[in-house]
């Protein structure tokens, strides 16, 4: 049973009402079952806020943190997918204390629908996400960093432009939804922004150059007999451009060549075409950059429970099918990207061939 922020559990109901609910990450397999109209199990945790004090015959006092497993009915559909550490989570379980990245489209929708916490008269019907944001008990942070970083010059903007765009986004969100917390709570200094941009600008520019060079070759399906030559061609482009083989764009391009054709989100994110100019490369690089930014917030201190809200199912499936280990695997080693085998489907000999090209620790796959 779902309760509004101003509702209480009916007296005749034995149970407890939970607040601050968070959910464990669901996997790519869960997503595929869900898309096939099968229910999936969500593991949640929450704090008992009120109720009878019993769940069945078990006493659960107020203030106690408890766990439960719920079935997510496939009839429940969200327009937006919440990408979290380890996979995805239903939107309704991703709001308590989560730092949610929002882009220009989301900020524009919020501005069009709300003013001072109230619905604007004549505004369009609310999407699933906006409906939840309108709830006064919504405990998430909205992070408009993607809004500020998305330039219109096919490259990352200047520090001054990011500062100005962040100020616009924060003011817009606070005017529309005063009860929602906005990140950052204190404005970034120009120095902070410059450090952030300096950490990404070269990789971003290199990714655009790389995608322009290799994307046209990703259009046609590559059979197993031609796969090694195609891989070598991509790695040659990496070397010619002086690019790191660990660049996320390289891994995504290799996945586009190697994934099962029935499940190839990398190719759909890159959108290869015979004519692939700076605009096409920027759009693809921007999507890949969002995943990099999300992972940075998830792995680096301070620890944020960060999520990316997206309506792009291809980008979502790509995220679900790979794990970016910025600091290496838990048992040590270099930074790497670990793929679900369906997104990087190759046999043992092909894997050895790739490891010879890339280095054994630079890219791996596993069956999750």
Protein backbone atom coordinates (compact mmCIF):
# COMPACT_ATOMS: atom_id res chain seq x y z
CA UNK A 1 0.00 0.00 0.00
CA UNK A 2 1.36 3.44 -0.93
CA UNK A 3 0.50 6.38 1.31
CA UNK A 4 0.68 10.09 0.56
CA UNK A 5 2.85 12.29 2.76
CA UNK A 6 -0.20 13.47 4.72
CA UNK A 7 -1.88 10.05 5.08
CA UNK A 8 -1.68 7.53 7.91
CA UNK A 9 -2.15 3.79 8.01
CA UNK A 10 -5.85 2.95 8.62
CA UNK A 11 -6.63 1.64 12.13
CA UNK A 12 -8.01 -1.64 10.82
CA UNK A 13 -4.79 -2.44 8.95
CA UNK A 14 -2.08 -4.45 10.71
CA UNK A 15 1.28 -3.26 9.48
CA UNK A 16 3.66 -0.35 9.47
CA UNK A 17 4.29 2.67 7.27
CA UNK A 18 7.87 3.12 6.08
CA UNK A 19 9.62 6.39 5.32
CA UNK A 20 12.97 7.08 3.72
CA UNK A 21 12.56 4.03 1.50
CA UNK A 22 15.51 2.96 -0.67
CA UNK A 23 15.74 0.04 -3.07
CA UNK A 24 18.50 -2.33 -4.04
CA UNK A 25 19.63 -2.11 -7.66
CA UNK A 26 17.87 -4.25 -10.23
CA UNK A 27 19.87 -5.89 -13.01
CA UNK A 28 19.79 -6.15 -16.79
CA UNK A 29 18.06 -9.52 -16.44
CA UNK A 30 15.40 -7.90 -14.24
CA UNK A 31 14.90 -5.22 -16.89
CA UNK A 32 14.48 -7.77 -19.68
CA UNK A 33 11.93 -9.71 -17.61
CA UNK A 34 10.11 -6.49 -16.77
CA UNK A 35 10.00 -5.51 -20.45
CA UNK A 36 8.62 -8.99 -21.17
CA UNK A 37 5.67 -8.24 -18.86
CA UNK A 38 7.02 -10.36 -16.00
CA UNK A 39 7.07 -9.12 -12.42
CA UNK A 40 10.41 -8.55 -10.68
CA UNK A 41 11.31 -8.54 -6.99
CA UNK A 42 12.58 -5.32 -5.43
CA UNK A 43 14.49 -5.42 -2.13
CA UNK A 44 13.68 -2.29 -0.11
CA UNK A 45 14.66 -0.79 3.22
CA UNK A 46 12.86 1.89 5.20
CA UNK A 47 12.32 3.36 8.65
CA UNK A 48 9.07 2.60 10.48
CA UNK A 49 7.25 5.90 10.95
CA UNK A 50 3.90 4.73 12.32
CA UNK A 51 1.43 1.84 12.25
CA UNK A 52 0.29 -1.09 14.37
CA UNK A 53 3.87 -2.04 15.28
CA UNK A 54 3.47 -5.51 13.82
CA UNK A 55 4.14 -7.07 10.45
CA UNK A 56 2.32 -10.36 10.70
CA UNK A 57 3.31 -11.64 14.16
CA UNK A 58 6.65 -9.81 14.23
CA UNK A 59 6.93 -6.67 16.37
CA UNK A 60 8.52 -3.75 14.49
CA UNK A 61 8.68 -0.60 16.66
CA UNK A 62 8.62 2.96 15.35
CA UNK A 63 12.10 4.13 14.37
CA UNK A 64 13.24 0.63 13.49
CA UNK A 65 14.95 0.12 10.14
CA UNK A 66 13.45 -2.86 8.35
CA UNK A 67 13.83 -4.68 5.05
CA UNK A 68 11.18 -6.13 2.78
CA UNK A 69 10.86 -7.65 -0.69
CA UNK A 70 8.13 -6.38 -2.97
CA UNK A 71 6.90 -7.43 -6.39
CA UNK A 72 7.07 -4.79 -9.13
CA UNK A 73 4.05 -5.38 -11.33
CA UNK A 74 4.84 -5.02 -15.05
CA UNK A 75 1.60 -3.06 -15.41
CA UNK A 76 3.31 -0.24 -13.49
CA UNK A 77 5.16 1.72 -16.17
CA UNK A 78 7.37 4.78 -15.71
CA UNK A 79 8.29 7.11 -18.53
CA UNK A 80 11.63 7.64 -16.80
CA UNK A 81 14.25 5.10 -15.77
CA UNK A 82 16.43 5.75 -12.73
CA UNK A 83 20.00 4.55 -13.25
CA UNK A 84 21.68 3.78 -9.93
CA UNK A 85 24.90 2.18 -8.73
CA UNK A 86 24.74 -1.40 -9.96
CA UNK A 87 21.81 -1.10 -12.38
CA UNK A 88 18.40 0.54 -12.16
CA UNK A 89 15.63 1.07 -9.64
CA UNK A 90 11.93 1.95 -9.88
CA UNK A 91 11.52 5.70 -9.71
CA UNK A 92 9.27 5.61 -6.66
CA UNK A 93 12.06 3.95 -4.62
CA UNK A 94 14.76 6.34 -5.85
CA UNK A 95 13.68 9.61 -4.28
CA UNK A 96 14.64 9.40 -0.60
CA UNK A 97 17.97 11.20 -0.22
CA UNK A 98 19.05 10.51 -3.80
CA UNK A 99 21.09 13.03 -5.78
CA UNK A 100 19.24 12.95 -9.11
CA UNK A 101 20.87 14.41 -12.21
CA UNK A 102 18.42 16.47 -14.28
CA UNK A 103 19.03 17.85 -17.77
CA UNK A 104 17.58 20.78 -19.70
CA UNK A 105 14.46 18.87 -20.70
CA UNK A 106 13.55 17.99 -17.11
CA UNK A 107 14.25 21.51 -15.83
CA UNK A 108 12.10 22.98 -18.61
CA UNK A 109 9.25 20.61 -17.76
CA UNK A 110 9.42 21.56 -14.08
CA UNK A 111 9.36 25.27 -14.95
CA UNK A 112 6.37 24.79 -17.25
CA UNK A 113 4.33 22.88 -14.66
CA UNK A 114 5.10 24.44 -11.26
CA UNK A 115 5.38 27.83 -9.61
CA UNK A 116 6.09 28.20 -5.89
CA UNK A 117 5.25 24.55 -5.33
CA UNK A 118 1.84 24.69 -6.99
CA UNK A 119 0.63 23.44 -10.34
CA UNK A 120 0.32 26.15 -12.96
CA UNK A 121 -3.19 26.49 -14.32
CA UNK A 122 -3.53 25.07 -17.79
CA UNK A 123 -0.26 23.13 -17.57
CA UNK A 124 0.08 19.80 -19.33
CA UNK A 125 -0.64 16.53 -17.43
CA UNK A 126 2.29 15.63 -15.20
CA UNK A 127 4.77 12.93 -16.11
CA UNK A 128 5.51 10.23 -13.52
CA UNK A 129 8.61 12.01 -12.23
CA UNK A 130 6.99 15.44 -11.91
CA UNK A 131 4.01 13.93 -10.12
CA UNK A 132 6.36 12.63 -7.42
CA UNK A 133 8.31 15.88 -7.21
CA UNK A 134 5.11 17.71 -6.40
CA UNK A 135 4.76 15.66 -3.19
CA UNK A 136 5.92 17.81 -0.27
CA UNK A 137 7.62 14.82 1.35
CA UNK A 138 9.88 14.17 -1.63
CA UNK A 139 13.36 13.78 -0.14
CA UNK A 140 15.63 13.84 -3.17
CA UNK A 141 18.16 16.40 -4.34
CA UNK A 142 17.90 17.70 -7.89
CA UNK A 143 21.32 18.09 -9.45
CA UNK A 144 21.26 20.38 -12.53
CA UNK A 145 24.93 19.84 -13.38
CA UNK A 146 23.99 18.17 -16.71
CA UNK A 147 21.88 21.26 -17.49
CA UNK A 148 24.89 23.51 -16.94
CA UNK A 149 27.46 21.32 -18.70
CA UNK A 150 25.45 20.73 -21.87
CA UNK A 151 26.91 23.28 -24.24
CA UNK A 152 25.62 24.40 -27.62
CA UNK A 153 29.03 24.62 -29.30
CA UNK A 154 29.68 20.85 -29.68
CA UNK A 155 32.19 20.90 -26.82
CA UNK A 156 32.18 21.41 -23.07
CA UNK A 157 31.48 25.07 -22.16
CA UNK A 158 33.70 27.54 -20.30
CA UNK A 159 33.76 27.74 -16.51
CA UNK A 160 31.97 31.11 -16.64
CA UNK A 161 29.20 29.66 -18.81
CA UNK A 162 28.76 26.69 -16.45
CA UNK A 163 28.57 29.02 -13.43
CA UNK A 164 25.93 31.18 -15.10
CA UNK A 165 23.89 28.18 -16.30
CA UNK A 166 24.01 26.55 -12.86
CA UNK A 167 22.71 29.77 -11.29
CA UNK A 168 19.85 29.87 -13.81
CA UNK A 169 18.94 26.22 -13.21
CA UNK A 170 19.07 26.49 -9.42
CA UNK A 171 16.93 29.65 -9.42
CA UNK A 172 14.42 28.04 -11.78
CA UNK A 173 14.09 24.90 -9.63
CA UNK A 174 13.77 26.82 -6.36
CA UNK A 175 11.10 29.09 -7.83
CA UNK A 176 9.15 26.15 -9.17
CA UNK A 177 9.53 23.72 -6.24
CA UNK A 178 10.74 25.47 -3.06
CA UNK A 179 10.39 22.27 -0.99
CA UNK A 180 12.88 20.35 -3.17
CA UNK A 181 16.55 20.47 -2.21
CA UNK A 182 18.90 21.48 -5.01
CA UNK A 183 22.53 20.46 -5.39
CA UNK A 184 24.95 22.14 -4.91
CA UNK A 185 23.57 23.76 -1.77
CA UNK A 186 26.33 26.39 -1.98
CA UNK A 187 27.34 27.85 -5.37
CA UNK A 188 30.48 26.49 -7.00
CA UNK A 189 33.41 28.85 -7.29
CA UNK A 190 34.91 29.41 -10.73
CA UNK A 191 37.98 27.52 -9.53
CA UNK A 192 35.85 24.49 -8.57
CA UNK A 193 34.14 24.52 -11.96
CA UNK A 194 37.42 24.89 -13.82
CA UNK A 195 38.89 21.90 -11.97
CA UNK A 196 35.81 19.86 -12.92
CA UNK A 197 36.01 20.87 -16.58
CA UNK A 198 39.77 20.33 -16.78
CA UNK A 199 39.23 16.76 -15.59
CA UNK A 200 36.94 15.99 -18.54
CA UNK A 201 37.64 18.36 -21.42
CA UNK A 202 40.46 16.40 -23.07
CA UNK A 203 38.62 13.09 -22.82
CA UNK A 204 35.46 14.71 -24.19
CA UNK A 205 37.25 16.25 -27.19
CA UNK A 206 39.17 13.04 -27.86
CA UNK A 207 35.94 11.06 -27.73
CA UNK A 208 34.36 13.29 -30.37
CA UNK A 209 37.36 12.89 -32.68
CA UNK A 210 37.39 9.12 -32.18
CA UNK A 211 33.67 8.71 -32.86
CA UNK A 212 33.87 10.77 -36.04
CA UNK A 213 36.61 8.47 -37.27
CA UNK A 214 35.11 5.07 -36.40
CA UNK A 215 31.31 5.49 -36.27
CA UNK A 216 30.72 5.05 -40.04
CA UNK A 217 32.42 1.64 -39.86
CA UNK A 218 29.96 0.52 -37.15
CA UNK A 219 26.89 0.75 -39.41
CA UNK A 220 26.94 -2.77 -40.85
CA UNK A 221 26.67 -5.93 -38.76
CA UNK A 222 30.14 -7.53 -38.55
CA UNK A 223 30.23 -11.31 -38.87
CA UNK A 224 32.55 -13.39 -36.74
CA UNK A 225 34.87 -13.99 -39.69
CA UNK A 226 35.55 -10.25 -40.02
CA UNK A 227 35.40 -9.34 -36.37
CA UNK A 228 39.12 -9.39 -35.60
CA UNK A 229 39.93 -7.12 -38.54
CA UNK A 230 37.21 -4.71 -37.36
CA UNK A 231 38.60 -4.70 -33.83
CA UNK A 232 42.10 -4.04 -35.16
CA UNK A 233 40.77 -1.13 -37.22
CA UNK A 234 39.27 0.46 -34.11
CA UNK A 235 42.43 0.00 -32.08
CA UNK A 236 44.46 1.49 -34.94
CA UNK A 237 42.20 4.56 -34.78
CA UNK A 238 42.87 4.72 -31.04
CA UNK A 239 46.61 4.65 -31.67
CA UNK A 240 46.50 7.12 -34.56
CA UNK A 241 44.61 9.63 -32.41
CA UNK A 242 46.84 9.06 -29.38
CA UNK A 243 43.77 8.04 -27.37
CA UNK A 244 43.83 5.91 -24.24
CA UNK A 245 42.55 2.40 -24.87
CA UNK A 246 40.69 2.76 -21.55
CA UNK A 247 38.53 5.60 -22.91
CA UNK A 248 34.88 4.70 -22.43
CA UNK A 249 34.17 5.55 -26.09
CA UNK A 250 36.56 2.79 -27.16
CA UNK A 251 34.76 0.22 -25.02
CA UNK A 252 31.35 1.35 -26.30
CA UNK A 253 32.53 1.15 -29.93
CA UNK A 254 33.93 -2.36 -29.36
CA UNK A 255 30.65 -3.39 -27.75
CA UNK A 256 28.74 -2.05 -30.76
CA UNK A 257 30.78 -4.41 -32.95
CA UNK A 258 30.59 -7.38 -30.60
CA UNK A 259 27.20 -7.43 -28.84
CA UNK A 260 24.42 -9.83 -29.71
CA UNK A 261 22.51 -8.09 -32.48
CA UNK A 262 19.25 -8.58 -30.61
CA UNK A 263 20.66 -6.65 -27.66
CA UNK A 264 23.07 -3.96 -28.85
CA UNK A 265 22.46 -0.75 -26.87
CA UNK A 266 25.94 0.59 -27.67
CA UNK A 267 25.18 0.76 -31.38
CA UNK A 268 21.84 2.44 -30.72
CA UNK A 269 23.48 5.04 -28.46
CA UNK A 270 26.22 5.81 -31.01
CA UNK A 271 23.75 5.92 -33.96
CA UNK A 272 26.44 5.25 -36.61
CA UNK A 273 25.88 6.76 -40.04
CA UNK A 274 27.77 7.11 -43.32
CA UNK A 275 28.06 10.86 -42.70
CA UNK A 276 29.02 11.31 -39.05
CA UNK A 277 30.04 14.88 -38.32
CA UNK A 278 30.82 16.88 -35.18
CA UNK A 279 27.14 17.24 -34.23
CA UNK A 280 26.46 13.49 -34.34
CA UNK A 281 29.68 12.73 -32.47
CA UNK A 282 28.89 15.37 -29.82
CA UNK A 283 25.42 13.95 -29.19
CA UNK A 284 26.77 10.42 -28.72
CA UNK A 285 29.68 11.63 -26.61
CA UNK A 286 27.31 13.63 -24.42
CA UNK A 287 25.32 10.49 -23.58
CA UNK A 288 28.50 8.57 -22.77
CA UNK A 289 29.79 11.50 -20.73
CA UNK A 290 26.64 11.45 -18.59
CA UNK A 291 27.42 7.86 -17.59
CA UNK A 292 31.00 8.85 -16.75
CA UNK A 293 29.79 11.79 -14.65
CA UNK A 294 27.29 9.61 -12.83
CA UNK A 295 29.97 7.03 -12.02
CA UNK A 296 32.30 9.75 -10.72
CA UNK A 297 29.66 10.89 -8.23
CA UNK A 298 28.97 7.31 -7.17
CA UNK A 299 32.59 6.32 -6.56
CA UNK A 300 34.39 9.43 -5.35
CA UNK A 301 33.95 11.06 -1.93
CA UNK A 302 31.80 12.55 -0.59
CA UNK A 303 29.59 9.51 -0.94
CA UNK A 304 26.35 10.44 -2.71
CA UNK A 305 23.59 8.04 -3.62
CA UNK A 306 23.49 9.44 -7.13
CA UNK A 307 21.16 8.53 -9.97
CA UNK A 308 20.61 9.61 -13.55
CA UNK A 309 17.04 10.04 -14.70
CA UNK A 310 16.62 9.19 -18.37
CA UNK A 311 13.92 8.35 -20.87
CA UNK A 312 16.51 6.86 -23.23
CA UNK A 313 16.06 3.10 -22.91
CA UNK A 314 19.15 2.36 -25.01
CA UNK A 315 21.38 4.43 -22.73
CA UNK A 316 19.74 2.74 -19.74
CA UNK A 317 20.38 -0.79 -21.06
CA UNK A 318 24.00 0.13 -21.84
CA UNK A 319 24.43 1.23 -18.22
CA UNK A 320 22.75 -1.93 -16.91
CA UNK A 321 25.02 -4.13 -18.99
CA UNK A 322 28.36 -2.69 -17.96
CA UNK A 323 30.10 -1.54 -14.79
CA UNK A 324 32.68 1.23 -14.87
CA UNK A 325 35.38 0.62 -12.27
CA UNK A 326 37.08 4.01 -12.06
CA UNK A 327 39.54 2.82 -9.41
CA UNK A 328 39.89 -0.79 -10.55
CA UNK A 329 38.12 -3.93 -9.44
CA UNK A 330 37.54 -4.49 -5.70
CA UNK A 331 40.38 -7.05 -5.64
CA UNK A 332 42.79 -4.57 -7.23
CA UNK A 333 44.06 -3.79 -10.71
CA UNK A 334 43.73 -0.95 -13.19
CA UNK A 335 40.53 0.96 -13.94
CA UNK A 336 38.38 -1.11 -16.28
CA UNK A 337 34.93 -1.65 -17.73
CA UNK A 338 33.24 -4.96 -17.00
CA UNK A 339 30.60 -6.04 -19.53
CA UNK A 340 27.74 -8.46 -19.33
CA UNK A 341 28.64 -11.14 -21.88
CA UNK A 342 25.63 -10.30 -24.04
CA UNK A 343 27.03 -6.82 -24.65
CA UNK A 344 30.49 -8.17 -25.40
CA UNK A 345 29.88 -11.60 -26.82
CA UNK A 346 33.12 -13.32 -27.78
CA UNK A 347 34.71 -16.71 -27.21
CA UNK A 348 37.89 -17.45 -25.25
CA UNK A 349 40.18 -17.12 -28.28
CA UNK A 350 38.63 -13.81 -29.29
CA UNK A 351 38.94 -12.52 -25.73
CA UNK A 352 42.63 -13.44 -25.71
CA UNK A 353 43.04 -11.61 -29.04
CA UNK A 354 41.37 -8.49 -27.60
CA UNK A 355 43.41 -8.64 -24.41
CA UNK A 356 46.54 -8.77 -26.55
CA UNK A 357 45.38 -5.58 -28.31
CA UNK A 358 44.14 -3.73 -25.23
CA UNK A 359 45.93 -5.24 -22.25
CA UNK A 360 44.35 -7.95 -20.12
CA UNK A 361 43.32 -5.61 -17.30
CA UNK A 362 41.85 -2.83 -19.43
CA UNK A 363 38.58 -4.46 -20.48
CA UNK A 364 36.79 -7.57 -19.28
CA UNK A 365 33.40 -9.17 -19.45
CA UNK A 366 31.46 -11.32 -17.07
CA UNK A 367 28.13 -13.10 -16.86
CA UNK A 368 26.28 -11.25 -14.11
